[in-house]
PDB file of N, CA and C in Angstrom:
ATOM      1  N   MET A   1      34.339   5.213-124.767  1.00  0.00           N
ATOM      2  CA  MET A   1      34.613   6.331-124.148  1.00  0.00           C
ATOM      3  C   MET A   1      35.379   6.144-122.808  1.00  0.00           C
ATOM      4  N   ALA A   2      34.553   5.157-122.307  1.00  0.00           N
ATOM      5  CA  ALA A   2      35.048   4.774-120.743  1.00  0.00           C
ATOM      6  C   ALA A   2      36.134   3.775-120.785  1.00  0.00           C
ATOM      7  N   LEU A   3      36.160   3.067-121.944  1.00  0.00           N
ATOM      8  CA  LEU A   3      37.274   2.008-121.962  1.00  0.00           C
ATOM      9  C   LEU A   3      38.409   2.889-122.425  1.00  0.00           C
ATOM     10  N   HIS A   4      38.217   4.120-123.144  1.00  0.00           N
ATOM     11  CA  HIS A   4      39.790   4.999-123.510  1.00  0.00           C
ATOM     12  C   HIS A   4      39.898   5.550-122.028  1.00  0.00           C
ATOM     13  N   ARG A   5      39.255   6.117-121.282  1.00  0.00           N
ATOM     14  CA  ARG A   5      39.764   7.135-119.828  1.00  0.00           C
ATOM     15  C   ARG A   5      40.357   5.728-119.354  1.00  0.00           C
ATOM     16  N   LEU A   6      39.627   4.644-119.130  1.00  0.00           N
ATOM     17  CA  LEU A   6      40.312   3.437-118.373  1.00  0.00           C
ATOM     18  C   LEU A   6      41.782   3.454-118.612  1.00  0.00           C
ATOM     19  N   PHE A   7      41.905   3.470-120.073  1.00  0.00           N
ATOM     20  CA  PHE A   7      43.489   3.041-120.582  1.00  0.00           C
ATOM     21  C   PHE A   7      44.230   4.602-120.387  1.00  0.00           C
ATOM     22  N   GLN A   8      43.778   5.523-120.440  1.00  0.00           N
ATOM     23  CA  GLN A   8      44.605   6.522-120.021  1.00  0.00           C
ATOM     24  C   GLN A   8      44.907   6.742-118.642  1.00  0.00           C
ATOM     25  N   LEU A   9      44.161   6.848-117.852  1.00  0.00           N
ATOM     26  CA  LEU A   9      43.985   6.564-116.329  1.00  0.00           C
ATOM     27  C   LEU A   9      45.109   5.375-115.657  1.00  0.00           C
ATOM     28  N   SER A  10      45.270   4.357-116.711  1.00  0.00           N
ATOM     29  CA  SER A  10      45.844   3.102-116.076  1.00  0.00           C
ATOM     30  C   SER A  10      47.455   3.461-116.735  1.00  0.00           C
ATOM     31  N   SER A  11      47.850   4.142-117.914  1.00  0.00           N
ATOM     32  CA  SER A  11      49.044   4.602-118.263  1.00  0.00           C
ATOM     33  C   SER A  11      49.533   6.000-117.379  1.00  0.00           C
ATOM     34  N   LEU A  12      48.776   6.534-116.715  1.00  0.00           N
ATOM     35  CA  LEU A  12      49.072   7.673-115.938  1.00  0.00           C
ATOM     36  C   LEU A  12      49.284   7.063-114.640  1.00  0.00           C
ATOM     37  N   LEU A  13      48.558   5.998-113.895  1.00  0.00           N
ATOM     38  CA  LEU A  13      49.007   5.301-112.591  1.00  0.00           C
ATOM     39  C   LEU A  13      50.645   4.353-113.012  1.00  0.00           C
ATOM     40  N   ARG A  14      50.723   4.116-114.033  1.00  0.00           N
ATOM     41  CA  ARG A  14      51.944   2.924-114.522  1.00  0.00           C
ATOM     42  C   ARG A  14      53.064   4.053-114.719  1.00  0.00           C
ATOM     43  N   SER A  15      52.800   5.251-115.207  1.00  0.00           N
ATOM     44  CA  SER A  15      53.937   5.938-115.226  1.00  0.00           C
ATOM     45  C   SER A  15      54.231   6.648-113.600  1.00  0.00           C
ATOM     46  N   ALA A  16      53.440   6.863-113.007  1.00  0.00           N
ATOM     47  CA  ALA A  16      53.754   7.225-111.590  1.00  0.00           C
ATOM     48  C   ALA A  16      54.384   6.039-110.740  1.00  0.00           C
ATOM     49  N   VAL A  17      53.816   5.224-110.991  1.00  0.00           N
ATOM     50  CA  VAL A  17      54.379   3.756-110.235  1.00  0.00           C
ATOM     51  C   VAL A  17      56.003   3.795-110.337  1.00  0.00           C
ATOM     52  N   SER A  18      55.979   3.878-111.548  1.00  0.00           N
ATOM     53  CA  SER A  18      57.251   3.483-111.876  1.00  0.00           C
ATOM     54  C   SER A  18      58.283   4.161-111.695  1.00  0.00           C
ATOM     55  N   VAL A  19      58.009   5.645-111.369  1.00  0.00           N
ATOM     56  CA  VAL A  19      58.943   6.801-111.161  1.00  0.00           C
ATOM     57  C   VAL A  19      58.940   6.430-109.918  1.00  0.00           C
ATOM     58  N   THR A  20      58.174   6.381-109.000  1.00  0.00           N
ATOM     59  CA  THR A  20      58.258   6.365-107.635  1.00  0.00           C
ATOM     60  C   THR A  20      58.966   5.167-107.153  1.00  0.00           C
ATOM     61  N   LEU A  21      58.848   3.960-107.670  1.00  0.00           N
ATOM     62  CA  LEU A  21      59.588   2.474-107.493  1.00  0.00           C
ATOM     63  C   LEU A  21      61.252   2.869-108.081  1.00  0.00           C
ATOM     64  N   SER A  22      61.710   3.553-109.111  1.00  0.00           N
ATOM     65  CA  SER A  22      62.915   4.060-109.316  1.00  0.00           C
ATOM     66  C   SER A  22      63.398   4.613-108.156  1.00  0.00           C
ATOM     67  N   ARG A  23      62.806   5.874-107.871  1.00  0.00           N
ATOM     68  CA  ARG A  23      63.144   6.279-106.802  1.00  0.00           C
ATOM     69  C   ARG A  23      63.631   5.558-105.615  1.00  0.00           C
ATOM     70  N   ASN A  24      62.514   4.831-105.005  1.00  0.00           N
ATOM     71  CA  ASN A  24      62.489   4.182-103.929  1.00  0.00           C
ATOM     72  C   ASN A  24      63.738   3.238-103.682  1.00  0.00           C
ATOM     73  N   ILE A  25      64.134   2.593-105.171  1.00  0.00           N
ATOM     74  CA  ILE A  25      64.871   1.269-105.407  1.00  0.00           C
ATOM     75  C   ILE A  25      66.225   1.911-105.050  1.00  0.00           C
ATOM     76  N   GLY A  26      66.601   3.544-105.906  1.00  0.00           N
ATOM     77  CA  GLY A  26      67.705   4.257-105.637  1.00  0.00           C
ATOM     78  C   GLY A  26      68.073   4.524-104.233  1.00  0.00           C
ATOM     79  N   ILE A  27      67.325   4.489-103.391  1.00  0.00           N
ATOM     80  CA  ILE A  27      67.591   4.831-102.118  1.00  0.00           C
ATOM     81  C   ILE A  27      67.657   3.616-101.263  1.00  0.00           C
ATOM     82  N   SER A  28      66.909   2.753-101.578  1.00  0.00           N
ATOM     83  CA  SER A  28      67.009   1.435-100.768  1.00  0.00           C
ATOM     84  C   SER A  28      68.557   0.842-101.263  1.00  0.00           C
ATOM     85  N   ALA A  29      68.913   1.233-102.432  1.00  0.00           N
ATOM     86  CA  ALA A  29      70.018   0.312-103.068  1.00  0.00           C
ATOM     87  C   ALA A  29      71.200   0.776-102.044  1.00  0.00           C
ATOM     88  N   VAL A  30      71.795   2.335-101.872  1.00  0.00           N
ATOM     89  CA  VAL A  30      72.244   2.791-101.232  1.00  0.00           C
ATOM     90  C   VAL A  30      72.165   2.260 -99.406  1.00  0.00           C
ATOM     91  N   LEU A  31      70.912   2.250 -99.176  1.00  0.00           N
ATOM     92  CA  LEU A  31      70.760   1.884 -97.728  1.00  0.00           C
ATOM     93  C   LEU A  31      71.518   0.151 -97.537  1.00  0.00           C
ATOM     94  N   PHE A  32      70.971  -0.419 -98.742  1.00  0.00           N
ATOM     95  CA  PHE A  32      71.488  -1.927 -98.697  1.00  0.00           C
ATOM     96  C   PHE A  32      72.803  -2.213 -98.578  1.00  0.00           C
ATOM     97  N   ASN A  33      73.436  -1.013 -99.462  1.00  0.00           N
ATOM     98  CA  ASN A  33      75.168  -1.247 -99.519  1.00  0.00           C
ATOM     99  C   ASN A  33      75.666  -0.923 -97.928  1.00  0.00           C
ATOM    100  N   ARG A  34      74.949  -0.134 -97.122  1.00  0.00           N
ATOM    101  CA  ARG A  34      75.549   0.092 -95.872  1.00  0.00           C
ATOM    102  C   ARG A  34      75.555  -0.965 -95.315  1.00  0.00           C
ATOM    103  N   VAL A  35      74.360  -1.979 -95.273  1.00  0.00           N
ATOM    104  CA  VAL A  35      74.277  -3.084 -94.434  1.00  0.00           C
ATOM    105  C   VAL A  35      75.175  -4.164 -94.839  1.00  0.00           C
ATOM    106  N   LYS A  36      74.975  -4.456 -96.200  1.00  0.00           N
ATOM    107  CA  LYS A  36      75.806  -5.541 -96.816  1.00  0.00           C
ATOM    108  C   LYS A  36      76.960  -5.299 -97.060  1.00  0.00           C
ATOM    109  N   ASN A  37      77.802  -6.527 -97.117  1.00  0.00           N
ATOM    110  CA  ASN A  37      79.314  -6.237 -97.312  1.00  0.00           C
ATOM    111  C   ASN A  37      79.485  -5.432 -98.565  1.00  0.00           C
ATOM    112  N   LEU A  38      80.653  -4.368 -98.408  1.00  0.00           N
ATOM    113  CA  LEU A  38      81.329  -3.510 -99.562  1.00  0.00           C
ATOM    114  C   LEU A  38      82.375  -4.415-100.115  1.00  0.00           C
ATOM    115  N   ASP A  39      82.513  -3.402-101.499  1.00  0.00           N
ATOM    116  CA  ASP A  39      83.549  -4.482-102.155  1.00  0.00           C
ATOM    117  C   ASP A  39      84.890  -4.121-101.694  1.00  0.00           C
ATOM    118  N   PRO A  40      85.741  -4.826-102.202  1.00  0.00           N
ATOM    119  CA  PRO A  40      87.138  -5.099-101.520  1.00  0.00           C
ATOM    120  C   PRO A  40      87.772  -3.530-101.651  1.00  0.00           C
ATOM    121  N   VAL A  41      87.657  -2.743-102.764  1.00  0.00           N
ATOM    122  CA  VAL A  41      88.172  -1.222-102.651  1.00  0.00           C
ATOM    123  C   VAL A  41      87.711  -0.285-101.818  1.00  0.00           C
ATOM    124  N   GLN A  42      86.164  -0.184-101.967  1.00  0.00           N
ATOM    125  CA  GLN A  42      85.551   0.560-100.759  1.00  0.00           C
ATOM    126  C   GLN A  42      85.531   0.102 -99.172  1.00  0.00           C
ATOM    127  N   LYS A  43      86.082  -1.095 -99.084  1.00  0.00           N
ATOM    128  CA  LYS A  43      86.440  -1.603 -97.775  1.00  0.00           C
ATOM    129  C   LYS A  43      87.580  -1.075 -97.421  1.00  0.00           C
ATOM    130  N   LEU A  44      88.597  -1.187 -98.180  1.00  0.00           N
ATOM    131  CA  LEU A  44      90.144  -0.770 -97.779  1.00  0.00           C
ATOM    132  C   LEU A  44      90.069   0.615 -97.813  1.00  0.00           C
ATOM    133  N   PHE A  45      89.478   1.356 -98.504  1.00  0.00           N
ATOM    134  CA  PHE A  45      89.445   2.751 -98.428  1.00  0.00           C
ATOM    135  C   PHE A  45      88.863   3.226 -97.005  1.00  0.00           C
ATOM    136  N   LEU A  46      87.700   2.914 -96.875  1.00  0.00           N
ATOM    137  CA  LEU A  46      87.149   3.062 -95.506  1.00  0.00           C
ATOM    138  C   LEU A  46      87.921   2.773 -94.188  1.00  0.00           C
ATOM    139  N   ASP A  47      88.505   1.370 -94.266  1.00  0.00           N
ATOM    140  CA  ASP A  47      89.616   1.306 -93.377  1.00  0.00           C
ATOM    141  C   ASP A  47      90.750   2.226 -93.023  1.00  0.00           C
ATOM    142  N   LYS A  48      91.073   2.638 -94.105  1.00  0.00           N
ATOM    143  CA  LYS A  48      92.102   3.729 -94.095  1.00  0.00           C
ATOM    144  C   LYS A  48      91.723   4.787 -93.501  1.00  0.00           C
ATOM    145  N   ILE A  49      90.807   5.464 -93.971  1.00  0.00           N
ATOM    146  CA  ILE A  49      89.736   6.550 -93.488  1.00  0.00           C
ATOM    147  C   ILE A  49      90.034   6.595 -91.642  1.00  0.00           C
ATOM    148  N   ARG A  50      89.424   5.494 -91.618  1.00  0.00           N
ATOM    149  CA  ARG A  50      88.834   5.166 -89.813  1.00  0.00           C
ATOM    150  C   ARG A  50      90.530   5.037 -89.355  1.00  0.00           C
ATOM    151  N   ASP A  51      91.694   4.447 -89.904  1.00  0.00           N
ATOM    152  CA  ASP A  51      92.959   3.844 -89.425  1.00  0.00           C
ATOM    153  C   ASP A  51      93.331   5.629 -88.732  1.00  0.00           C
ATOM    154  N   TYR A  52      93.440   6.341 -90.183  1.00  0.00           N
ATOM    155  CA  TYR A  52      93.947   8.061 -90.331  1.00  0.00           C
ATOM    156  C   TYR A  52      93.062   8.810 -89.267  1.00  0.00           C
ATOM    157  N   ASP A  53      92.066   8.619 -88.818  1.00  0.00           N
ATOM    158  CA  ASP A  53      91.226   9.122 -87.947  1.00  0.00           C
ATOM    159  C   ASP A  53      91.369   8.601 -86.554  1.00  0.00           C
ATOM    160  N   THR A  54      91.579   7.566 -86.008  1.00  0.00           N
ATOM    161  CA  THR A  54      92.129   7.458 -84.910  1.00  0.00           C
ATOM    162  C   THR A  54      93.730   7.753 -84.763  1.00  0.00           C
ATOM    163  N   LYS A  55      94.587   7.613 -85.683  1.00  0.00           N
ATOM    164  CA  LYS A  55      96.106   8.004 -85.381  1.00  0.00           C
ATOM    165  C   LYS A  55      96.055   9.601 -85.279  1.00  0.00           C
ATOM    166  N   SER A  56      95.164  10.444 -86.280  1.00  0.00           N
ATOM    167  CA  SER A  56      94.825  11.924 -85.815  1.00  0.00           C
ATOM    168  C   SER A  56      94.339  12.199 -84.539  1.00  0.00           C
ATOM    169  N   LYS A  57      93.474  11.525 -84.120  1.00  0.00           N
ATOM    170  CA  LYS A  57      93.163  11.725 -82.474  1.00  0.00           C
ATOM    171  C   LYS A  57      94.276  11.358 -81.596  1.00  0.00           C
ATOM    172  N   THR A  58      94.971  10.587 -81.689  1.00  0.00           N
ATOM    173  CA  THR A  58      95.896  10.030 -80.608  1.00  0.00           C
ATOM    174  C   THR A  58      96.920  11.073 -80.897  1.00  0.00           C
ATOM    175  N   THR A  59      97.560  11.548 -81.971  1.00  0.00           N
ATOM    176  CA  THR A  59      98.308  12.559 -82.100  1.00  0.00           C
ATOM    177  C   THR A  59      98.065  13.924 -81.632  1.00  0.00           C
ATOM    178  N   GLY A  60      96.949  14.128 -82.042  1.00  0.00           N
ATOM    179  CA  GLY A  60      96.281  15.635 -81.909  1.00  0.00           C
ATOM    180  C   GLY A  60      96.522  16.264 -82.874  1.00  0.00           C
ATOM    181  N   GLY A  61      96.720  16.033 -83.947  1.00  0.00           N
ATOM    182  CA  GLY A  61      97.165  16.914 -85.406  1.00  0.00           C
ATOM    183  C   GLY A  61      97.747  15.963 -86.495  1.00  0.00           C
ATOM    184  N   ILE A  62      98.232  16.403 -87.058  1.00  0.00           N
ATOM    185  CA  ILE A  62      98.907  15.736 -88.647  1.00  0.00           C
ATOM    186  C   ILE A  62      99.587  14.491 -88.305  1.00  0.00           C
ATOM    187  N   VAL A  63      99.121  13.654 -89.168  1.00  0.00           N
ATOM    188  CA  VAL A  63      99.438  12.005 -88.768  1.00  0.00           C
ATOM    189  C   VAL A  63     100.951  12.032 -89.284  1.00  0.00           C
ATOM    190  N   GLU A  64     101.927  11.347 -88.687  1.00  0.00           N
ATOM    191  CA  GLU A  64     103.156  11.200 -89.123  1.00  0.00           C
ATOM    192  C   GLU A  64     104.063  12.577 -89.734  1.00  0.00           C
ATOM    193  N   ALA A  65     103.641  13.773 -88.799  1.00  0.00           N
ATOM    194  CA  ALA A  65     104.531  14.867 -89.369  1.00  0.00           C
ATOM    195  C   ALA A  65     105.940  14.856 -88.278  1.00  0.00           C
ATOM    196  N   GLY A  66     106.364  15.165 -89.210  1.00  0.00           N
ATOM    197  CA  GLY A  66     108.261  15.006 -88.735  1.00  0.00           C
ATOM    198  C   GLY A  66     108.594  16.380 -87.948  1.00  0.00           C
ATOM    199  N   PRO A  67     109.796  16.594 -87.649  1.00  0.00           N
ATOM    200  CA  PRO A  67     110.456  18.060 -87.285  1.00  0.00           C
ATOM    201  C   PRO A  67     110.496  18.993 -88.437  1.00  0.00           C
ATOM    202  N   SER A  68     110.666  18.542 -89.210  1.00  0.00           N
ATOM    203  CA  SER A  68     110.618  19.427 -90.453  1.00  0.00           C
ATOM    204  C   SER A  68     109.146  19.927 -90.714  1.00  0.00           C
ATOM    205  N   TYR A  69     108.225  19.243 -90.773  1.00  0.00           N
ATOM    206  CA  TYR A  69     106.792  19.591 -90.638  1.00  0.00           C
ATOM    207  C   TYR A  69     106.611  21.018 -89.691  1.00  0.00           C
ATOM    208  N   GLN A  70     107.105  20.610 -88.571  1.00  0.00           N
ATOM    209  CA  GLN A  70     107.086  21.780 -87.617  1.00  0.00           C
ATOM    210  C   GLN A  70     107.780  22.645 -87.706  1.00  0.00           C
ATOM    211  N   LYS A  71     108.923  22.826 -88.166  1.00  0.00           N
ATOM    212  CA  LYS A  71     109.549  23.699 -88.419  1.00  0.00           C
ATOM    213  C   LYS A  71     109.126  24.705 -89.472  1.00  0.00           C
ATOM    214  N   ASN A  72     108.832  24.394 -90.623  1.00  0.00           N
ATOM    215  CA  ASN A  72     108.041  24.775 -91.620  1.00  0.00           C
ATOM    216  C   ASN A  72     106.749  25.509 -91.203  1.00  0.00           C
ATOM    217  N   LEU A  73     105.675  24.811 -90.299  1.00  0.00           N
ATOM    218  CA  LEU A  73     104.606  26.063 -89.945  1.00  0.00           C
ATOM    219  C   LEU A  73     105.149  26.792 -89.124  1.00  0.00           C
ATOM    220  N   SER A  74     105.662  26.664 -88.184  1.00  0.00           N
ATOM    221  CA  SER A  74     106.547  27.772 -87.499  1.00  0.00           C
ATOM    222  C   SER A  74     106.902  29.100 -88.206  1.00  0.00           C
ATOM    223  N   GLU A  75     107.547  28.488 -89.415  1.00  0.00           N
ATOM    224  CA  GLU A  75     108.148  29.487 -90.213  1.00  0.00           C
ATOM    225  C   GLU A  75     107.119  30.389 -91.012  1.00  0.00           C
ATOM    226  N   GLU A  76     106.322  29.522 -91.640  1.00  0.00           N
ATOM    227  CA  GLU A  76     105.037  30.188 -92.237  1.00  0.00           C
ATOM    228  C   GLU A  76     104.247  30.843 -91.146  1.00  0.00           C
ATOM    229  N   MET A  77     103.936  30.579 -90.179  1.00  0.00           N
ATOM    230  CA  MET A  77     103.076  31.295 -89.445  1.00  0.00           C
ATOM    231  C   MET A  77     103.671  32.888 -88.773  1.00  0.00           C
ATOM    232  N   THR A  78     105.189  32.458 -88.985  1.00  0.00           N
ATOM    233  CA  THR A  78     105.868  33.759 -88.474  1.00  0.00           C
ATOM    234  C   THR A  78     105.944  34.878 -89.723  1.00  0.00           C
ATOM    235  N   LYS A  79     105.802  34.422 -90.804  1.00  0.00           N
ATOM    236  CA  LYS A  79     105.900  35.371 -92.054  1.00  0.00           C
ATOM    237  C   LYS A  79     104.483  35.600 -92.050  1.00  0.00           C
ATOM    238  N   LEU A  80     103.335  34.872 -92.093  1.00  0.00           N
ATOM    239  CA  LEU A  80     101.985  35.549 -91.770  1.00  0.00           C
ATOM    240  C   LEU A  80     101.717  36.457 -90.709  1.00  0.00           C
ATOM    241  N   GLN A  81     101.951  36.412 -89.457  1.00  0.00           N
ATOM    242  CA  GLN A  81     102.108  37.349 -88.611  1.00  0.00           C
ATOM    243  C   GLN A  81     103.201  38.561 -88.953  1.00  0.00           C
ATOM    244  N   ARG A  82     103.886  38.397 -89.552  1.00  0.00           N
ATOM    245  CA  ARG A  82     105.004  39.624 -89.855  1.00  0.00           C
ATOM    246  C   ARG A  82     104.001  40.468 -90.922  1.00  0.00           C
ATOM    247  N   LEU A  83     103.613  39.780 -92.001  1.00  0.00           N
ATOM    248  CA  LEU A  83     102.667  40.370 -93.023  1.00  0.00           C
ATOM    249  C   LEU A  83     101.105  40.882 -92.499  1.00  0.00           C
ATOM    250  N   TYR A  84     100.705  40.481 -91.807  1.00  0.00           N
ATOM    251  CA  TYR A  84      99.327  40.643 -91.331  1.00  0.00           C
ATOM    252  C   TYR A  84      99.275  41.340 -89.921  1.00  0.00           C
ATOM    253  N   GLY A  85     100.057  41.469 -89.328  1.00  0.00           N
ATOM    254  CA  GLY A  85     100.186  42.479 -88.086  1.00  0.00           C
ATOM    255  C   GLY A  85     100.106  41.928 -87.019  1.00  0.00           C
ATOM    256  N   GLY A  86     100.512  40.422 -86.822  1.00  0.00           N
ATOM    257  CA  GLY A  86     100.656  39.477 -85.585  1.00  0.00           C
ATOM    258  C   GLY A  86      99.086  38.884 -85.225  1.00  0.00           C
ATOM    259  N   GLY A  87      98.660  38.636 -84.061  1.00  0.00           N
ATOM    260  CA  GLY A  87      97.505  38.144 -83.647  1.00  0.00           C
ATOM    261  C   GLY A  87      97.513  36.296 -83.657  1.00  0.00           C
ATOM    262  N   ASP A  88      96.588  36.122 -83.120  1.00  0.00           N
ATOM    263  CA  ASP A  88      96.655  34.559 -83.123  1.00  0.00           C
ATOM    264  C   ASP A  88      95.926  34.201 -84.588  1.00  0.00           C
ATOM    265  N   LEU A  89      96.680  33.459 -85.205  1.00  0.00           N
ATOM    266  CA  LEU A  89      96.370  33.110 -86.632  1.00  0.00           C
ATOM    267  C   LEU A  89      95.779  31.728 -86.703  1.00  0.00           C
ATOM    268  N   THR A  90      95.753  31.078 -85.255  1.00  0.00           N
ATOM    269  CA  THR A  90      94.824  29.809 -85.063  1.00  0.00           C
ATOM    270  C   THR A  90      93.426  29.692 -84.860  1.00  0.00           C
ATOM    271  N   LYS A  91      92.863  30.806 -84.800  1.00  0.00           N
ATOM    272  CA  LYS A  91      91.731  31.190 -84.348  1.00  0.00           C
ATOM    273  C   LYS A  91      90.913  32.097 -85.575  1.00  0.00           C
ATOM    274  N   PHE A  92      89.436  31.999 -85.328  1.00  0.00           N
ATOM    275  CA  PHE A  92      88.818  32.798 -86.485  1.00  0.00           C
ATOM    276  C   PHE A  92      88.639  34.355 -85.866  1.00  0.00           C
ATOM    277  N   PRO A  93      89.053  35.409 -86.712  1.00  0.00           N
ATOM    278  CA  PRO A  93      88.777  36.559 -85.891  1.00  0.00           C
ATOM    279  C   PRO A  93      87.684  36.708 -85.536  1.00  0.00           C
ATOM    280  N   ASP A  94      87.533  37.809 -84.563  1.00  0.00           N
ATOM    281  CA  ASP A  94      86.039  38.274 -84.277  1.00  0.00           C
ATOM    282  C   ASP A  94      85.682  39.576 -84.881  1.00  0.00           C
ATOM    283  N   PHE A  95      84.534  39.540 -85.328  1.00  0.00           N
ATOM    284  CA  PHE A  95      84.185  41.030 -86.094  1.00  0.00           C
ATOM    285  C   PHE A  95      83.173  41.446 -85.408  1.00  0.00           C
ATOM    286  N   LYS A  96      83.023  43.127 -85.194  1.00  0.00           N
ATOM    287  CA  LYS A  96      82.536  43.640 -84.492  1.00  0.00           C
ATOM    288  C   LYS A  96      82.000  44.778 -85.588  1.00  0.00           C
ATOM    289  N   PHE A  97      80.730  44.716 -85.784  1.00  0.00           N
ATOM    290  CA  PHE A  97      79.852  45.739 -86.864  1.00  0.00           C
ATOM    291  C   PHE A  97      78.853  46.447 -85.915  1.00  0.00           C
ATOM    292  N   THR A  98      79.135  47.701 -85.838  1.00  0.00           N
ATOM    293  CA  THR A  98      78.363  48.418 -85.462  1.00  0.00           C
ATOM    294  C   THR A  98      77.245  49.284 -86.811  1.00  0.00           C
ATOM    295  N   ASP A  99      75.851  49.576 -85.884  1.00  0.00           N
ATOM    296  CA  ASP A  99      74.953  49.719 -87.039  1.00  0.00           C
ATOM    297  C   ASP A  99      75.175  51.232 -87.309  1.00  0.00           C
ATOM    298  N   PRO A 100      75.017  51.649 -88.325  1.00  0.00           N
ATOM    299  CA  PRO A 100      74.977  53.229 -88.731  1.00  0.00           C
ATOM    300  C   PRO A 100      74.005  53.926 -87.950  1.00  0.00           C
ATOM    301  N   LYS A 101      74.076  55.409 -87.830  1.00  0.00           N
ATOM    302  CA  LYS A 101      72.779  56.111 -87.571  1.00  0.00           C
ATOM    303  C   LYS A 101      72.433  56.551 -88.776  1.00  0.00           C
ATOM    304  N   MET A 102      71.004  56.474 -88.693  1.00  0.00           N
ATOM    305  CA  MET A 102      70.194  56.854 -89.998  1.00  0.00           C
ATOM    306  C   MET A 102      69.142  57.973 -89.503  1.00  0.00           C
ATOM    307  N   GLU A 103      69.093  59.076 -90.211  1.00  0.00           N
ATOM    308  CA  GLU A 103      68.242  59.893 -90.310  1.00  0.00           C
ATOM    309  C   GLU A 103      66.904  59.774 -90.969  1.00  0.00           C
ATOM    310  N   GLU A 104      65.932  60.418 -90.060  1.00  0.00           N
ATOM    311  CA  GLU A 104      64.861  60.272 -90.802  1.00  0.00           C
ATOM    312  C   GLU A 104      64.708  61.237 -92.026  1.00  0.00           C
ATOM    313  N   ALA A 105      64.317  61.229 -93.176  1.00  0.00           N
ATOM    314  CA  ALA A 105      64.155  62.162 -94.189  1.00  0.00           C
ATOM    315  C   ALA A 105      62.628  63.150 -94.152  1.00  0.00           C
ATOM    316  N   ALA A 106      62.722  64.302 -94.096  1.00  0.00           N
ATOM    317  CA  ALA A 106      61.507  64.735 -94.128  1.00  0.00           C
ATOM    318  C   ALA A 106      60.350  64.746 -95.159  1.00  0.00           C
ATOM    319  N   LYS A 107      59.306  64.508 -95.183  1.00  0.00           N
ATOM    320  CA  LYS A 107      58.621  64.058 -96.400  1.00  0.00           C
ATOM    321  C   LYS A 107      57.851  65.099 -97.157  1.00  0.00           C
TER     322      LYS A 107
END
């Protein structure tokens, strides 16, 4: 009886340890990849994203946008202002909600 109980506990312990280890190995693999050299495709992708980020910060907007892009953007903004009644379309609108007046009902 005691031997049977010991085997049950050992199998429970083994399954709990295997689940914990598999989760920890999954997390540590992600962390290990950050430290370790990436594969060439990942490295190229990250380099391009970082390059685009520095270019967009220096230009202050869309990278390599020509005059035709600026013309199309201004035309579309004019159309939207005409459709939706003007206002600044580059900022989020301010919403002002008022609480309705509630009256207590007689019991």
